[in-house]
Amino acid sequence: MRTRKHNRLRDYDYSTPGAYFITTVVRGRQNTFGEVKDGAHYLTPYGETLVEQWHWLHKQYLHIILDQFVVMPNHFHGIITIVGTGRDLSLRPKTKSLSELVGAFKTTTSKRIH
């Protein structure tokens, strides 16, 4: 049985402004989000939903900026930058830590898919 390596630093505040690289993986590593054919990658409707929810995250939480991302057949990579008060937080003062942001992204994506 493989043991997962812990990817988080102990005692680090993941709500601190900065850029964070995230990876999420489909349960069982099933090719749910897309497929590769003839060297090209094609998204499934589930993969398209994932992209929509990534953009939703930016609209929902004004204290973040979303950078590059890539949807692979069975996982997702993206960069989230927490900017603190760099955007107009008076409109929607919802601030979340990195784990809460990733949780919201995964939960809303999963709910839309299922």
N, C-alpha and C. Protein backbone atom coordinates (compact mmCIF):
# COMPACT_ATOMS: atom_id res chain seq x y z
N MET A 1 0.84 -1.19 0.00
CA MET A 1 0.00 0.00 0.00
C MET A 1 0.88 1.25 0.00
N ARG A 2 0.59 2.17 -0.93
CA ARG A 2 1.36 3.42 -1.00
C ARG A 2 0.92 4.38 0.08
N THR A 3 1.87 5.10 0.62
CA THR A 3 1.58 6.13 1.60
C THR A 3 1.70 7.48 0.91
N ARG A 4 0.68 8.30 1.08
CA ARG A 4 0.71 9.63 0.46
C ARG A 4 1.65 10.56 1.20
N LYS A 5 2.41 11.32 0.45
CA LYS A 5 3.28 12.33 1.00
C LYS A 5 2.42 13.54 1.38
N HIS A 6 2.70 14.12 2.53
CA HIS A 6 1.97 15.33 2.93
C HIS A 6 2.49 16.51 2.12
N ASN A 7 1.59 17.21 1.45
CA ASN A 7 1.97 18.32 0.58
C ASN A 7 1.89 19.67 1.25
N ARG A 8 1.39 19.72 2.46
CA ARG A 8 1.22 21.01 3.14
C ARG A 8 2.29 21.19 4.20
N LEU A 9 2.70 22.43 4.36
CA LEU A 9 3.68 22.77 5.39
C LEU A 9 2.97 22.90 6.73
N ARG A 10 3.57 22.33 7.75
CA ARG A 10 3.00 22.48 9.10
C ARG A 10 3.12 23.94 9.52
N ASP A 11 2.11 24.41 10.22
CA ASP A 11 2.11 25.76 10.80
C ASP A 11 2.18 26.88 9.77
N TYR A 12 1.85 26.61 8.50
CA TYR A 12 1.82 27.66 7.49
C TYR A 12 0.39 28.13 7.32
N ASP A 13 0.20 29.43 7.24
CA ASP A 13 -1.12 30.02 7.07
C ASP A 13 -1.44 30.12 5.58
N TYR A 14 -2.27 29.20 5.10
CA TYR A 14 -2.61 29.16 3.68
C TYR A 14 -3.68 30.17 3.27
N SER A 15 -3.92 31.15 4.12
CA SER A 15 -4.75 32.28 3.71
C SER A 15 -3.85 33.50 3.43
N THR A 16 -2.54 33.32 3.61
CA THR A 16 -1.56 34.37 3.36
C THR A 16 -1.50 34.69 1.87
N PRO A 17 -1.45 35.98 1.51
CA PRO A 17 -1.32 36.33 0.10
C PRO A 17 -0.12 35.64 -0.54
N GLY A 18 -0.33 35.14 -1.75
CA GLY A 18 0.71 34.46 -2.50
C GLY A 18 0.11 33.58 -3.57
N ALA A 19 0.96 33.02 -4.41
CA ALA A 19 0.51 32.14 -5.48
C ALA A 19 0.64 30.69 -5.01
N TYR A 20 -0.38 29.90 -5.27
CA TYR A 20 -0.42 28.51 -4.84
C TYR A 20 -0.76 27.62 -6.03
N PHE A 21 0.02 26.56 -6.21
CA PHE A 21 -0.20 25.58 -7.26
C PHE A 21 -1.03 24.45 -6.67
N ILE A 22 -2.18 24.16 -7.30
CA ILE A 22 -3.04 23.09 -6.80
C ILE A 22 -3.19 21.98 -7.84
N THR A 23 -3.44 20.80 -7.34
CA THR A 23 -3.74 19.64 -8.17
C THR A 23 -4.91 18.91 -7.54
N THR A 24 -5.90 18.57 -8.33
CA THR A 24 -6.98 17.70 -7.86
C THR A 24 -7.04 16.51 -8.80
N VAL A 25 -7.35 15.35 -8.23
CA VAL A 25 -7.36 14.10 -8.99
C VAL A 25 -8.73 13.44 -8.86
N VAL A 26 -9.22 12.90 -9.96
CA VAL A 26 -10.50 12.19 -9.96
C VAL A 26 -10.36 10.90 -9.13
N ARG A 27 -11.38 10.60 -8.36
CA ARG A 27 -11.37 9.37 -7.57
C ARG A 27 -11.14 8.17 -8.49
N GLY A 28 -10.22 7.32 -8.11
CA GLY A 28 -9.90 6.15 -8.91
C GLY A 28 -9.13 6.46 -10.18
N ARG A 29 -8.73 7.71 -10.34
CA ARG A 29 -7.99 8.17 -11.53
C ARG A 29 -8.68 7.82 -12.84
N GLN A 30 -10.01 7.86 -12.82
CA GLN A 30 -10.78 7.59 -14.03
C GLN A 30 -10.67 8.79 -14.97
N ASN A 31 -10.65 8.54 -16.27
CA ASN A 31 -10.56 9.61 -17.26
C ASN A 31 -11.93 10.26 -17.45
N THR A 32 -12.29 11.07 -16.49
CA THR A 32 -13.60 11.70 -16.43
C THR A 32 -13.66 13.04 -17.16
N PHE A 33 -12.56 13.78 -17.15
CA PHE A 33 -12.57 15.15 -17.65
C PHE A 33 -12.24 15.28 -19.13
N GLY A 34 -11.66 14.25 -19.72
CA GLY A 34 -11.30 14.36 -21.12
C GLY A 34 -10.62 13.11 -21.63
N GLU A 35 -10.20 13.20 -22.88
CA GLU A 35 -9.47 12.09 -23.48
C GLU A 35 -8.48 12.64 -24.51
N VAL A 36 -7.45 11.87 -24.76
CA VAL A 36 -6.44 12.25 -25.74
C VAL A 36 -6.63 11.36 -26.96
N LYS A 37 -6.82 11.99 -28.11
CA LYS A 37 -6.95 11.28 -29.38
C LYS A 37 -6.05 11.93 -30.41
N ASP A 38 -5.25 11.14 -31.07
CA ASP A 38 -4.35 11.63 -32.12
C ASP A 38 -3.51 12.82 -31.66
N GLY A 39 -3.06 12.76 -30.41
CA GLY A 39 -2.20 13.80 -29.87
C GLY A 39 -2.90 15.06 -29.41
N ALA A 40 -4.23 15.10 -29.51
CA ALA A 40 -4.99 16.27 -29.06
C ALA A 40 -5.84 15.89 -27.84
N HIS A 41 -6.07 16.85 -26.98
CA HIS A 41 -6.87 16.63 -25.77
C HIS A 41 -8.26 17.21 -25.96
N TYR A 42 -9.26 16.40 -25.68
CA TYR A 42 -10.66 16.83 -25.81
C TYR A 42 -11.34 16.72 -24.46
N LEU A 43 -12.02 17.80 -24.07
CA LEU A 43 -12.76 17.79 -22.81
C LEU A 43 -14.10 17.09 -22.97
N THR A 44 -14.49 16.37 -21.93
CA THR A 44 -15.84 15.83 -21.86
C THR A 44 -16.75 16.93 -21.30
N PRO A 45 -18.06 16.72 -21.30
CA PRO A 45 -18.93 17.69 -20.62
C PRO A 45 -18.54 17.90 -19.15
N TYR A 46 -18.02 16.86 -18.49
CA TYR A 46 -17.57 17.01 -17.10
C TYR A 46 -16.34 17.91 -17.03
N GLY A 47 -15.46 17.78 -17.99
CA GLY A 47 -14.29 18.65 -18.05
C GLY A 47 -14.69 20.09 -18.30
N GLU A 48 -15.69 20.29 -19.15
CA GLU A 48 -16.18 21.65 -19.40
C GLU A 48 -16.82 22.24 -18.15
N THR A 49 -17.51 21.42 -17.38
CA THR A 49 -18.09 21.86 -16.11
C THR A 49 -16.99 22.28 -15.15
N LEU A 50 -15.90 21.52 -15.12
CA LEU A 50 -14.77 21.85 -14.26
C LEU A 50 -14.22 23.23 -14.61
N VAL A 51 -14.06 23.51 -15.89
CA VAL A 51 -13.55 24.82 -16.34
C VAL A 51 -14.52 25.93 -15.93
N GLU A 52 -15.82 25.70 -16.10
CA GLU A 52 -16.82 26.70 -15.70
C GLU A 52 -16.73 27.00 -14.21
N GLN A 53 -16.54 25.98 -13.40
CA GLN A 53 -16.46 26.18 -11.95
C GLN A 53 -15.15 26.86 -11.55
N TRP A 54 -14.09 26.64 -12.30
CA TRP A 54 -12.83 27.35 -12.05
C TRP A 54 -13.06 28.85 -12.24
N HIS A 55 -13.76 29.24 -13.30
CA HIS A 55 -14.05 30.65 -13.55
C HIS A 55 -15.06 31.19 -12.53
N TRP A 56 -16.00 30.36 -12.10
CA TRP A 56 -16.96 30.74 -11.07
C TRP A 56 -16.24 31.12 -9.77
N LEU A 57 -15.19 30.37 -9.45
CA LEU A 57 -14.44 30.62 -8.22
C LEU A 57 -13.92 32.05 -8.20
N HIS A 58 -13.42 32.51 -9.33
CA HIS A 58 -12.88 33.88 -9.43
C HIS A 58 -13.97 34.92 -9.25
N LYS A 59 -15.16 34.65 -9.80
CA LYS A 59 -16.27 35.60 -9.66
C LYS A 59 -16.80 35.63 -8.23
N GLN A 60 -16.76 34.50 -7.57
CA GLN A 60 -17.32 34.36 -6.23
C GLN A 60 -16.44 34.96 -5.14
N TYR A 61 -15.14 34.84 -5.29
CA TYR A 61 -14.19 35.27 -4.25
C TYR A 61 -13.25 36.31 -4.81
N LEU A 62 -13.49 37.55 -4.44
CA LEU A 62 -12.76 38.67 -5.02
C LEU A 62 -11.35 38.84 -4.48
N HIS A 63 -10.97 38.05 -3.50
CA HIS A 63 -9.61 38.16 -2.95
C HIS A 63 -8.62 37.21 -3.63
N ILE A 64 -9.04 36.63 -4.76
CA ILE A 64 -8.15 35.74 -5.50
C ILE A 64 -8.05 36.14 -6.96
N ILE A 65 -6.97 35.72 -7.57
CA ILE A 65 -6.78 35.83 -9.02
C ILE A 65 -6.43 34.43 -9.50
N LEU A 66 -7.07 34.00 -10.55
CA LEU A 66 -6.77 32.69 -11.11
C LEU A 66 -5.79 32.87 -12.25
N ASP A 67 -4.76 32.05 -12.24
CA ASP A 67 -3.72 32.12 -13.26
C ASP A 67 -3.90 30.93 -14.19
N GLN A 68 -2.83 30.43 -14.74
CA GLN A 68 -2.87 29.32 -15.68
C GLN A 68 -3.49 28.08 -15.05
N PHE A 69 -4.13 27.27 -15.89
CA PHE A 69 -4.66 25.99 -15.44
C PHE A 69 -4.67 25.04 -16.63
N VAL A 70 -4.73 23.75 -16.32
CA VAL A 70 -4.82 22.75 -17.37
C VAL A 70 -5.69 21.61 -16.86
N VAL A 71 -6.60 21.16 -17.71
CA VAL A 71 -7.47 20.04 -17.40
C VAL A 71 -6.91 18.82 -18.13
N MET A 72 -6.57 17.81 -17.39
CA MET A 72 -6.07 16.56 -17.94
C MET A 72 -7.21 15.53 -17.86
N PRO A 73 -7.08 14.38 -18.52
CA PRO A 73 -8.18 13.42 -18.50
C PRO A 73 -8.64 13.01 -17.09
N ASN A 74 -7.69 12.88 -16.14
CA ASN A 74 -8.10 12.43 -14.81
C ASN A 74 -7.64 13.34 -13.68
N HIS A 75 -7.17 14.53 -14.00
CA HIS A 75 -6.79 15.46 -12.95
C HIS A 75 -6.75 16.89 -13.49
N PHE A 76 -6.52 17.82 -12.56
CA PHE A 76 -6.55 19.25 -12.87
C PHE A 76 -5.39 19.92 -12.15
N HIS A 77 -4.71 20.84 -12.83
CA HIS A 77 -3.68 21.68 -12.22
C HIS A 77 -4.10 23.13 -12.40
N GLY A 78 -3.89 23.95 -11.38
CA GLY A 78 -4.19 25.37 -11.50
C GLY A 78 -3.38 26.18 -10.51
N ILE A 79 -3.28 27.46 -10.77
CA ILE A 79 -2.59 28.38 -9.88
C ILE A 79 -3.60 29.40 -9.38
N ILE A 80 -3.70 29.48 -8.06
CA ILE A 80 -4.57 30.46 -7.40
C ILE A 80 -3.66 31.44 -6.68
N THR A 81 -3.89 32.73 -6.91
CA THR A 81 -3.15 33.75 -6.18
C THR A 81 -4.11 34.43 -5.22
N ILE A 82 -3.78 34.36 -3.95
CA ILE A 82 -4.56 35.07 -2.93
C ILE A 82 -3.92 36.44 -2.80
N VAL A 83 -4.72 37.48 -3.05
CA VAL A 83 -4.19 38.84 -3.06
C VAL A 83 -4.59 39.65 -1.85
N GLY A 84 -5.34 39.07 -0.95
CA GLY A 84 -5.75 39.82 0.23
C GLY A 84 -6.74 40.87 -0.15
N THR A 85 -6.36 42.14 -0.04
CA THR A 85 -7.27 43.24 -0.31
C THR A 85 -6.96 43.92 -1.64
N GLY A 86 -6.33 43.23 -2.56
CA GLY A 86 -5.93 43.82 -3.83
C GLY A 86 -7.09 44.14 -4.75
N ARG A 87 -8.25 43.49 -4.57
CA ARG A 87 -9.42 43.80 -5.38
C ARG A 87 -10.47 44.43 -4.47
N ASP A 88 -11.55 44.91 -5.02
CA ASP A 88 -12.57 45.60 -4.24
C ASP A 88 -13.35 44.62 -3.38
N LEU A 89 -12.94 44.48 -2.13
CA LEU A 89 -13.60 43.53 -1.23
C LEU A 89 -14.87 44.09 -0.61
N SER A 90 -15.14 45.38 -0.79
CA SER A 90 -16.34 45.96 -0.20
C SER A 90 -17.60 45.40 -0.87
N LEU A 91 -17.48 44.93 -2.12
CA LEU A 91 -18.64 44.37 -2.82
C LEU A 91 -19.07 43.03 -2.24
N ARG A 92 -18.10 42.19 -1.93
CA ARG A 92 -18.38 40.85 -1.43
C ARG A 92 -17.23 40.42 -0.51
N PRO A 93 -17.29 40.78 0.75
CA PRO A 93 -16.14 40.53 1.62
C PRO A 93 -16.01 39.08 2.09
N LYS A 94 -16.01 38.13 1.16
CA LYS A 94 -15.84 36.72 1.50
C LYS A 94 -14.38 36.37 1.29
N THR A 95 -13.68 36.10 2.35
CA THR A 95 -12.29 35.67 2.19
C THR A 95 -12.17 34.24 2.72
N LYS A 96 -11.47 33.42 1.98
CA LYS A 96 -11.30 32.02 2.35
C LYS A 96 -9.84 31.64 2.22
N SER A 97 -9.45 30.64 2.99
CA SER A 97 -8.10 30.10 2.88
C SER A 97 -8.01 29.23 1.62
N LEU A 98 -6.80 28.81 1.30
CA LEU A 98 -6.60 27.98 0.12
C LEU A 98 -7.42 26.69 0.21
N SER A 99 -7.41 26.02 1.35
CA SER A 99 -8.16 24.77 1.47
C SER A 99 -9.66 24.99 1.33
N GLU A 100 -10.16 26.12 1.83
CA GLU A 100 -11.58 26.43 1.67
C GLU A 100 -11.91 26.74 0.21
N LEU A 101 -11.01 27.42 -0.49
CA LEU A 101 -11.22 27.72 -1.91
C LEU A 101 -11.24 26.44 -2.73
N VAL A 102 -10.27 25.57 -2.50
CA VAL A 102 -10.21 24.30 -3.22
C VAL A 102 -11.43 23.46 -2.88
N GLY A 103 -11.84 23.47 -1.61
CA GLY A 103 -13.04 22.74 -1.21
C GLY A 103 -14.28 23.24 -1.92
N ALA A 104 -14.42 24.57 -2.03
CA ALA A 104 -15.57 25.14 -2.74
C ALA A 104 -15.54 24.76 -4.22
N PHE A 105 -14.37 24.80 -4.81
CA PHE A 105 -14.20 24.42 -6.22
C PHE A 105 -14.59 22.96 -6.44
N LYS A 106 -14.07 22.07 -5.61
CA LYS A 106 -14.34 20.65 -5.77
C LYS A 106 -15.80 20.32 -5.48
N THR A 107 -16.35 20.93 -4.43
CA THR A 107 -17.74 20.64 -4.05
C THR A 107 -18.72 21.11 -5.12
N THR A 108 -18.55 22.34 -5.60
CA THR A 108 -19.50 22.86 -6.59
C THR A 108 -19.36 22.13 -7.92
N THR A 109 -18.14 21.76 -8.28
CA THR A 109 -17.93 20.98 -9.50
C THR A 109 -18.61 19.63 -9.39
N SER A 110 -18.38 18.95 -8.29
CA SER A 110 -18.97 17.63 -8.07
C SER A 110 -20.50 17.69 -8.06
N LYS A 111 -21.06 18.70 -7.39
CA LYS A 111 -22.53 18.83 -7.35
C LYS A 111 -23.11 19.05 -8.74
N ARG A 112 -22.44 19.87 -9.55
CA ARG A 112 -22.94 20.10 -10.91
C ARG A 112 -22.82 18.85 -11.77
N ILE A 113 -21.77 18.07 -11.56
CA ILE A 113 -21.59 16.86 -12.35
C ILE A 113 -22.59 15.79 -11.96
N HIS A 114 -22.84 15.66 -10.68
CA HIS A 114 -23.74 14.61 -10.20
C HIS A 114 -25.17 15.11 -10.13
